[in-house]
C-alpha atoms as a PDB file:
ATOM      1  CA  MET A   1       0.495   0.201  -0.243  1.00  0.00           C
ATOM      2  CA  ASN A   2       1.108   3.416  -0.837  1.00  0.00           C
ATOM      3  CA  ALA A   3       1.509   5.578   2.487  1.00  0.00           C
ATOM      4  CA  CYS A   4       0.980   9.290   0.623  1.00  0.00           C
ATOM      5  CA  THR A   5      -1.917   7.895  -0.798  1.00  0.00           C
ATOM      6  CA  ALA A   6      -4.421  11.284  -0.366  1.00  0.00           C
ATOM      7  CA  VAL A   7      -8.098  10.778   1.063  1.00  0.00           C
ATOM      8  CA  LYS A   8     -11.120  13.275   0.046  1.00  0.00           C
ATOM      9  CA  ILE A   9     -14.233  12.849   2.300  1.00  0.00           C
ATOM     10  CA  CYS A  10     -17.203  14.090  -0.029  1.00  0.00           C
ATOM     11  CA  GLY A  11     -20.641  15.140   1.134  1.00  0.00           C
ATOM     12  CA  LEU A  12     -19.916  16.496   3.868  1.00  0.00           C
ATOM     13  CA  ARG A  13     -22.690  18.846   5.290  1.00  0.00           C
ATOM     14  CA  THR A  14     -21.814  20.124   8.857  1.00  0.00           C
ATOM     15  CA  ALA A  15     -18.901  21.309  10.638  1.00  0.00           C
ATOM     16  CA  ALA A  16     -18.569  18.318  12.857  1.00  0.00           C
ATOM     17  CA  ASP A  17     -18.256  16.058   9.583  1.00  0.00           C
ATOM     18  CA  ALA A  18     -15.534  18.537   8.381  1.00  0.00           C
ATOM     19  CA  ARG A  19     -13.622  18.149  11.502  1.00  0.00           C
ATOM     20  CA  ALA A  20     -13.671  14.284  11.544  1.00  0.00           C
ATOM     21  CA  ALA A  21     -12.537  14.207   7.945  1.00  0.00           C
ATOM     22  CA  ALA A  22      -9.488  16.380   9.193  1.00  0.00           C
ATOM     23  CA  ASP A  23      -8.994  14.548  11.942  1.00  0.00           C
ATOM     24  CA  ALA A  24      -8.932  11.325  10.415  1.00  0.00           C
ATOM     25  CA  GLY A  25      -6.055  12.542   8.310  1.00  0.00           C
ATOM     26  CA  ALA A  26      -8.205  13.671   5.107  1.00  0.00           C
ATOM     27  CA  SER A  27      -6.204  16.007   2.500  1.00  0.00           C
ATOM     28  CA  MET A  28      -9.409  16.768   1.083  1.00  0.00           C
ATOM     29  CA  VAL A  29     -13.066  17.498   1.729  1.00  0.00           C
ATOM     30  CA  GLY A  30     -16.248  17.565  -0.836  1.00  0.00           C
ATOM     31  CA  LEU A  31     -19.185  19.900  -0.629  1.00  0.00           C
ATOM     32  CA  VAL A  32     -21.920  18.507  -2.623  1.00  0.00           C
ATOM     33  CA  PHE A  33     -23.656  21.935  -4.510  1.00  0.00           C
ATOM     34  CA  ILE A  34     -25.991  19.745  -6.651  1.00  0.00           C
ATOM     35  CA  THR A  35     -29.441  20.319  -6.536  1.00  0.00           C
ATOM     36  CA  GLY A  36     -31.536  17.197  -5.688  1.00  0.00           C
ATOM     37  CA  SER A  37     -28.658  15.093  -4.050  1.00  0.00           C
ATOM     38  CA  PRO A  38     -29.034  14.269  -0.411  1.00  0.00           C
ATOM     39  CA  ARG A  39     -25.841  15.679   0.472  1.00  0.00           C
ATOM     40  CA  CYS A  40     -26.608  19.056  -1.571  1.00  0.00           C
ATOM     41  CA  ILE A  41     -25.485  22.215   1.124  1.00  0.00           C
ATOM     42  CA  ASN A  42     -26.154  26.081   0.686  1.00  0.00           C
ATOM     43  CA  ARG A  43     -23.767  28.705   0.711  1.00  0.00           C
ATOM     44  CA  ASP A  44     -23.930  29.632   5.085  1.00  0.00           C
ATOM     45  CA  GLU A  45     -23.664  25.634   5.298  1.00  0.00           C
ATOM     46  CA  ALA A  46     -20.727  25.667   3.112  1.00  0.00           C
ATOM     47  CA  ASP A  47     -19.404  28.833   5.414  1.00  0.00           C
ATOM     48  CA  GLY A  48     -19.521  26.896   8.601  1.00  0.00           C
ATOM     49  CA  ILE A  49     -17.585  23.548   7.080  1.00  0.00           C
ATOM     50  CA  LEU A  50     -14.921  25.986   5.751  1.00  0.00           C
ATOM     51  CA  ARG A  51     -14.657  27.729   9.340  1.00  0.00           C
ATOM     52  CA  ALA A  52     -13.854  24.256  10.242  1.00  0.00           C
ATOM     53  CA  LEU A  53     -11.329  22.994   8.062  1.00  0.00           C
ATOM     54  CA  PRO A  54      -7.818  23.623   9.180  1.00  0.00           C
ATOM     55  CA  SER A  55      -5.323  25.243   6.381  1.00  0.00           C
ATOM     56  CA  ASP A  56      -3.646  21.921   5.255  1.00  0.00           C
ATOM     57  CA  VAL A  57      -7.239  20.459   4.130  1.00  0.00           C
ATOM     58  CA  GLU A  58      -8.452  21.166   0.433  1.00  0.00           C
ATOM     59  CA  PRO A  59     -11.907  21.792  -0.090  1.00  0.00           C
ATOM     60  CA  VAL A  60     -13.639  21.042  -3.106  1.00  0.00           C
ATOM     61  CA  ALA A  61     -17.217  21.998  -4.864  1.00  0.00           C
ATOM     62  CA  LEU A  62     -19.004  19.179  -6.691  1.00  0.00           C
ATOM     63  CA  LEU A  63     -21.311  21.005  -9.192  1.00  0.00           C
ATOM     64  CA  ALA A  64     -22.953  18.834 -12.180  1.00  0.00           C
ATOM     65  CA  ASP A  65     -23.445  21.138 -15.305  1.00  0.00           C
ATOM     66  CA  PRO A  66     -23.101  24.561 -14.235  1.00  0.00           C
ATOM     67  CA  GLY A  67     -23.969  27.325 -16.764  1.00  0.00           C
ATOM     68  CA  ASP A  68     -21.815  30.613 -16.424  1.00  0.00           C
ATOM     69  CA  ASP A  69     -23.727  31.813 -14.216  1.00  0.00           C
ATOM     70  CA  ASP A  70     -23.872  29.723 -11.772  1.00  0.00           C
ATOM     71  CA  PRO A  71     -24.014  31.060  -8.457  1.00  0.00           C
ATOM     72  CA  VAL A  72     -21.319  29.293  -6.757  1.00  0.00           C
ATOM     73  CA  LEU A  73     -18.875  30.260  -9.294  1.00  0.00           C
ATOM     74  CA  ALA A  74     -19.222  33.588  -8.314  1.00  0.00           C
ATOM     75  CA  TRP A  75     -18.317  33.066  -4.661  1.00  0.00           C
ATOM     76  CA  TRP A  76     -16.229  29.585  -4.143  1.00  0.00           C
ATOM     77  CA  ARG A  77     -12.490  30.360  -4.207  1.00  0.00           C
ATOM     78  CA  GLY A  78     -11.510  26.623  -4.312  1.00  0.00           C
ATOM     79  CA  ARG A  79     -11.261  23.607  -6.174  1.00  0.00           C
ATOM     80  CA  VAL A  80     -13.966  22.213  -8.640  1.00  0.00           C
ATOM     81  CA  GLN A  81     -14.833  18.828  -9.510  1.00  0.00           C
ATOM     82  CA  LEU A  82     -17.627  18.416 -12.153  1.00  0.00           C
ATOM     83  CA  HIS A  83     -19.533  15.452 -11.929  1.00  0.00           C
ATOM     84  CA  GLY A  84     -22.562  15.851 -14.738  1.00  0.00           C
ATOM     85  CA  ASN A  85     -22.682  15.573 -18.554  1.00  0.00           C
ATOM     86  CA  GLU A  86     -19.420  18.493 -18.765  1.00  0.00           C
ATOM     87  CA  SER A  87     -18.100  19.324 -21.775  1.00  0.00           C
ATOM     88  CA  ASP A  88     -14.944  19.538 -22.873  1.00  0.00           C
ATOM     89  CA  GLU A  89     -15.642  22.760 -23.632  1.00  0.00           C
ATOM     90  CA  THR A  90     -17.042  23.644 -20.275  1.00  0.00           C
ATOM     91  CA  CYS A  91     -14.380  22.583 -18.608  1.00  0.00           C
ATOM     92  CA  GLN A  92     -12.052  24.744 -20.703  1.00  0.00           C
ATOM     93  CA  ARG A  93     -14.217  27.776 -19.520  1.00  0.00           C
ATOM     94  CA  ILE A  94     -13.955  26.724 -15.803  1.00  0.00           C
ATOM     95  CA  ALA A  95     -10.809  26.092 -15.641  1.00  0.00           C
ATOM     96  CA  ALA A  96     -10.151  29.341 -17.594  1.00  0.00           C
ATOM     97  CA  ARG A  97     -11.526  31.455 -15.006  1.00  0.00           C
ATOM     98  CA  GLY A  98      -9.048  30.579 -12.989  1.00  0.00           C
ATOM     99  CA  PHE A  99     -10.148  27.133 -11.088  1.00  0.00           C
ATOM    100  CA  ALA A 100      -8.636  23.715 -10.806  1.00  0.00           C
ATOM    101  CA  VAL A 101     -10.457  21.375 -12.499  1.00  0.00           C
ATOM    102  CA  MET A 102     -11.491  18.056 -11.281  1.00  0.00           C
ATOM    103  CA  LYS A 103     -13.807  15.773 -13.665  1.00  0.00           C
ATOM    104  CA  GLY A 104     -15.993  13.245 -12.298  1.00  0.00           C
ATOM    105  CA  PHE A 105     -17.205  10.044 -14.348  1.00  0.00           C
ATOM    106  CA  ALA A 106     -18.175   6.433 -14.094  1.00  0.00           C
ATOM    107  CA  TYR A 107     -15.655   4.368 -15.468  1.00  0.00           C
ATOM    108  CA  THR A 108     -15.246   3.022 -18.652  1.00  0.00           C
ATOM    109  CA  PRO A 109     -11.838   2.593 -21.290  1.00  0.00           C
ATOM    110  CA  GLU A 110     -12.988   5.374 -23.528  1.00  0.00           C
ATOM    111  CA  ASP A 111     -13.804   8.063 -21.029  1.00  0.00           C
ATOM    112  CA  LEU A 112     -10.683   7.945 -19.359  1.00  0.00           C
ATOM    113  CA  GLN A 113      -8.774   7.898 -21.982  1.00  0.00           C
ATOM    114  CA  ARG A 114     -11.202  10.876 -23.027  1.00  0.00           C
ATOM    115  CA  TRP A 115     -10.851  12.603 -19.919  1.00  0.00           C
ATOM    116  CA  ASN A 116      -7.082  11.707 -19.376  1.00  0.00           C
ATOM    117  CA  ALA A 117      -6.518  14.034 -22.813  1.00  0.00           C
ATOM    118  CA  CYS A 118      -8.350  17.172 -21.529  1.00  0.00           C
ATOM    119  CA  ASN A 119      -5.737  19.406 -21.002  1.00  0.00           C
ATOM    120  CA  ALA A 120      -8.309  21.630 -18.168  1.00  0.00           C
ATOM    121  CA  ILE A 121      -8.144  19.226 -16.170  1.00  0.00           C
ATOM    122  CA  ASP A 122      -5.429  17.840 -13.213  1.00  0.00           C
ATOM    123  CA  THR A 123      -7.730  15.258 -11.559  1.00  0.00           C
ATOM    124  CA  LEU A 124      -9.255  12.307 -12.816  1.00  0.00           C
ATOM    125  CA  VAL A 125     -12.411  11.312 -10.540  1.00  0.00           C
ATOM    126  CA  VAL A 126     -12.635   7.638 -11.609  1.00  0.00           C
ATOM    127  CA  ASP A 127     -16.257   6.535 -10.520  1.00  0.00           C
ATOM    128  CA  GLY A 128     -18.533   3.833 -10.456  1.00  0.00           C
ATOM    129  CA  PRO A 129     -21.906   3.922 -12.595  1.00  0.00           C
ATOM    130  CA  ARG A 130     -23.497   5.700  -9.948  1.00  0.00           C
ATOM    131  CA  GLY A 131     -21.661   8.775  -8.362  1.00  0.00           C
ATOM    132  CA  GLY A 132     -22.228   9.003  -4.362  1.00  0.00           C
ATOM    133  CA  GLY A 133     -24.036   5.955  -5.188  1.00  0.00           C
ATOM    134  CA  GLY A 134     -21.549   3.355  -3.265  1.00  0.00           C
ATOM    135  CA  VAL A 135     -21.632   1.232  -6.456  1.00  0.00           C
ATOM    136  CA  PRO A 136     -18.156  -0.232  -7.256  1.00  0.00           C
ATOM    137  CA  PHE A 137     -16.960  -0.947 -10.542  1.00  0.00           C
ATOM    138  CA  ASP A 138     -13.979  -2.884 -12.596  1.00  0.00           C
ATOM    139  CA  HIS A 139     -10.642  -1.977 -10.459  1.00  0.00           C
ATOM    140  CA  ALA A 140      -8.492  -4.603 -12.250  1.00  0.00           C
ATOM    141  CA  ALA A 141      -9.790  -2.502 -15.837  1.00  0.00           C
ATOM    142  CA  LEU A 142      -8.746  -0.317 -14.885  1.00  0.00           C
ATOM    143  CA  ALA A 143      -5.417  -0.781 -13.084  1.00  0.00           C
ATOM    144  CA  ALA A 144      -4.577  -2.355 -16.326  1.00  0.00           C
ATOM    145  CA  GLN A 145      -4.901   1.242 -17.953  1.00  0.00           C
ATOM    146  CA  MET A 146      -3.033   3.256 -15.147  1.00  0.00           C
ATOM    147  CA  PRO A 147       0.890   2.907 -16.705  1.00  0.00           C
ATOM    148  CA  GLY A 148      -0.406   5.097 -19.392  1.00  0.00           C
ATOM    149  CA  LEU A 149      -2.481   8.003 -18.046  1.00  0.00           C
ATOM    150  CA  SER A 150      -1.173  11.473 -17.155  1.00  0.00           C
ATOM    151  CA  LYS A 151      -2.710  12.402 -14.745  1.00  0.00           C
ATOM    152  CA  ARG A 152      -3.743  12.240 -11.228  1.00  0.00           C
ATOM    153  CA  VAL A 153      -6.426   9.392 -10.364  1.00  0.00           C
ATOM    154  CA  LEU A 154      -8.409  10.187  -7.641  1.00  0.00           C
ATOM    155  CA  LEU A 155     -10.612   6.655  -6.956  1.00  0.00           C
ATOM    156  CA  ALA A 156     -14.085   6.572  -5.801  1.00  0.00           C
ATOM    157  CA  GLY A 157     -17.409   4.249  -6.112  1.00  0.00           C
ATOM    158  CA  GLY A 158     -18.207   2.045  -3.276  1.00  0.00           C
ATOM    159  CA  LEU A 159     -14.944   2.374  -1.624  1.00  0.00           C
ATOM    160  CA  THR A 160     -15.475   1.663   2.609  1.00  0.00           C
ATOM    161  CA  PRO A 161     -13.277   0.873   5.346  1.00  0.00           C
ATOM    162  CA  ALA A 162     -13.412  -3.065   4.632  1.00  0.00           C
ATOM    163  CA  ASN A 163     -12.171  -2.437   1.407  1.00  0.00           C
ATOM    164  CA  VAL A 164     -10.338   0.451   0.519  1.00  0.00           C
ATOM    165  CA  HIS A 165      -6.675  -1.362   1.068  1.00  0.00           C
ATOM    166  CA  ALA A 166      -7.500  -3.743  -1.233  1.00  0.00           C
ATOM    167  CA  ALA A 167      -8.381  -1.068  -3.970  1.00  0.00           C
ATOM    168  CA  ILE A 168      -5.574   1.067  -2.830  1.00  0.00           C
ATOM    169  CA  THR A 169      -3.380  -2.207  -3.909  1.00  0.00           C
ATOM    170  CA  ALA A 170      -5.153  -3.470  -6.837  1.00  0.00           C
ATOM    171  CA  VAL A 171      -4.922   0.398  -8.880  1.00  0.00           C
ATOM    172  CA  HIS A 172      -2.611   2.453  -6.590  1.00  0.00           C
ATOM    173  CA  PRO A 173      -4.262   5.781  -7.393  1.00  0.00           C
ATOM    174  CA  TRP A 174      -3.078   9.386  -6.376  1.00  0.00           C
ATOM    175  CA  GLY A 175      -6.084   9.192  -4.021  1.00  0.00           C
ATOM    176  CA  VAL A 176      -9.587   7.140  -2.819  1.00  0.00           C
ATOM    177  CA  ASP A 177     -12.901   9.568  -2.555  1.00  0.00           C
ATOM    178  CA  VAL A 178     -15.690   7.733   0.089  1.00  0.00           C
ATOM    179  CA  SER A 179     -19.156   9.408   0.364  1.00  0.00           C
ATOM    180  CA  SER A 180     -21.759   6.563   1.653  1.00  0.00           C
ATOM    181  CA  GLY A 181     -19.063   4.729   2.720  1.00  0.00           C
ATOM    182  CA  VAL A 182     -18.787   6.585   5.831  1.00  0.00           C
ATOM    183  CA  GLU A 183     -22.546   6.894   6.326  1.00  0.00           C
ATOM    184  CA  LEU A 184     -24.923   5.937   8.972  1.00  0.00           C
ATOM    185  CA  GLN A 185     -27.413   6.708   6.668  1.00  0.00           C
ATOM    186  CA  ARG A 186     -27.757   8.226   2.715  1.00  0.00           C
ATOM    187  CA  GLY A 187     -26.145  11.661   3.565  1.00  0.00           C
ATOM    188  CA  VAL A 188     -25.406  11.557   7.386  1.00  0.00           C
ATOM    189  CA  LYS A 189     -21.595  10.738   7.923  1.00  0.00           C
ATOM    190  CA  ASP A 190     -20.051   8.916  10.897  1.00  0.00           C
ATOM    191  CA  ALA A 191     -16.816  10.126  12.335  1.00  0.00           C
ATOM    192  CA  GLN A 192     -16.077   6.421  13.570  1.00  0.00           C
ATOM    193  CA  LEU A 193     -16.325   5.351   9.876  1.00  0.00           C
ATOM    194  CA  ILE A 194     -14.393   7.999   8.665  1.00  0.00           C
ATOM    195  CA  ALA A 195     -11.505   7.018  11.219  1.00  0.00           C
ATOM    196  CA  ASN A 196     -11.787   3.638   9.990  1.00  0.00           C
ATOM    197  CA  PHE A 197     -11.750   4.705   6.461  1.00  0.00           C
ATOM    198  CA  CYS A 198      -8.866   6.336   6.827  1.00  0.00           C
ATOM    199  CA  ARG A 199      -6.994   4.204   8.807  1.00  0.00           C
ATOM    200  CA  ALA A 200      -7.578   1.449   6.297  1.00  0.00           C
ATOM    201  CA  ALA A 201      -6.440   4.139   3.650  1.00  0.00           C
ATOM    202  CA  GLY A 202      -2.858   4.101   5.980  1.00  0.00           C
ATOM    203  CA  VAL A 203      -3.331   8.014   6.022  1.00  0.00           C
ATOM    204  CA  THR A 204      -1.783   9.610   9.061  1.00  0.00           C
ATOM    205  CA  PRO A 205      -4.488  11.078  11.359  1.00  0.00           C
ATOM    206  CA  ARG A 206      -4.150  14.761  12.584  1.00  0.00           C
ATOM    207  CA  ARG A 207      -5.320  13.111  16.065  1.00  0.00           C
ATOM    208  CA  VAL A 208      -5.874   9.723  17.977  1.00  0.00           C
ATOM    209  CA  PRO A 209      -8.896   8.240  16.141  1.00  0.00           C
ATOM    210  CA  PRO A 210     -11.336   5.989  18.297  1.00  0.00           C
ATOM    211  CA  ILE A 211     -10.536   2.409  17.974  1.00  0.00           C
ATOM    212  CA  GLY A 212     -13.481   0.885  16.533  1.00  0.00           C
END
C-alpha cells in the first residue's frame, strides 16, 4: 500500500463532519452543490464547514453541468469537481476562470482516455456507475490502464473501510474518494467510519482516532 495515498471525504454537511475528516487525516473534502443530492448544502452551511477546516485540508466544490452564471462559481475560491455530463468546452471555460478542475465520471476505458487527454483538468475522479451511490466497478480494468495515464487518479465508487486497502493495492491511485461508504444513512456521515476509512487507507491522523 502507498502510505502517501490522499483521502477525500465527500458530501460533508456539517462542521462536525469537517472536523472528523480533518482529525482522521483526510487531505481533501467535498462539498456538494448539486440540487437533488441528499448531500446538497447551501452557502451558509458551506461557510461553516470551511471555517472548521484546517488550512492543509483542501475543500472541493462539486457541481454538475454548471452554467457560466452558476451562483457557486461567483463566490467559491477553491477547487471545483465537475460531476455531470460536462463537455470538454465547459471544463475549459471553468478552468479559464482560474479554477483548478477535477472531472468525475463513471469508469469506461473510453472515458478514461477522453478525460486524460483534456488539458483543462488535473485530476480524474474515476467513479462507479452512479456517483455517490456506493457502486463499485472493475478495478482490474482500471489498473491495466494506469501506466498510460498522465493525470492523477482519485479512485471513487463503492469504497468502504473494509475494501479500500484492497482497492489501493490493486489500482495504486493518487488518492481515494468516499461518501456513502462512511455514512450511517444516506447523507449522514459517521466520525467512526471516517476514522476507520482513513486508517485503512494508510493515512496519518491529525489526532488519534477512536478504535473500532
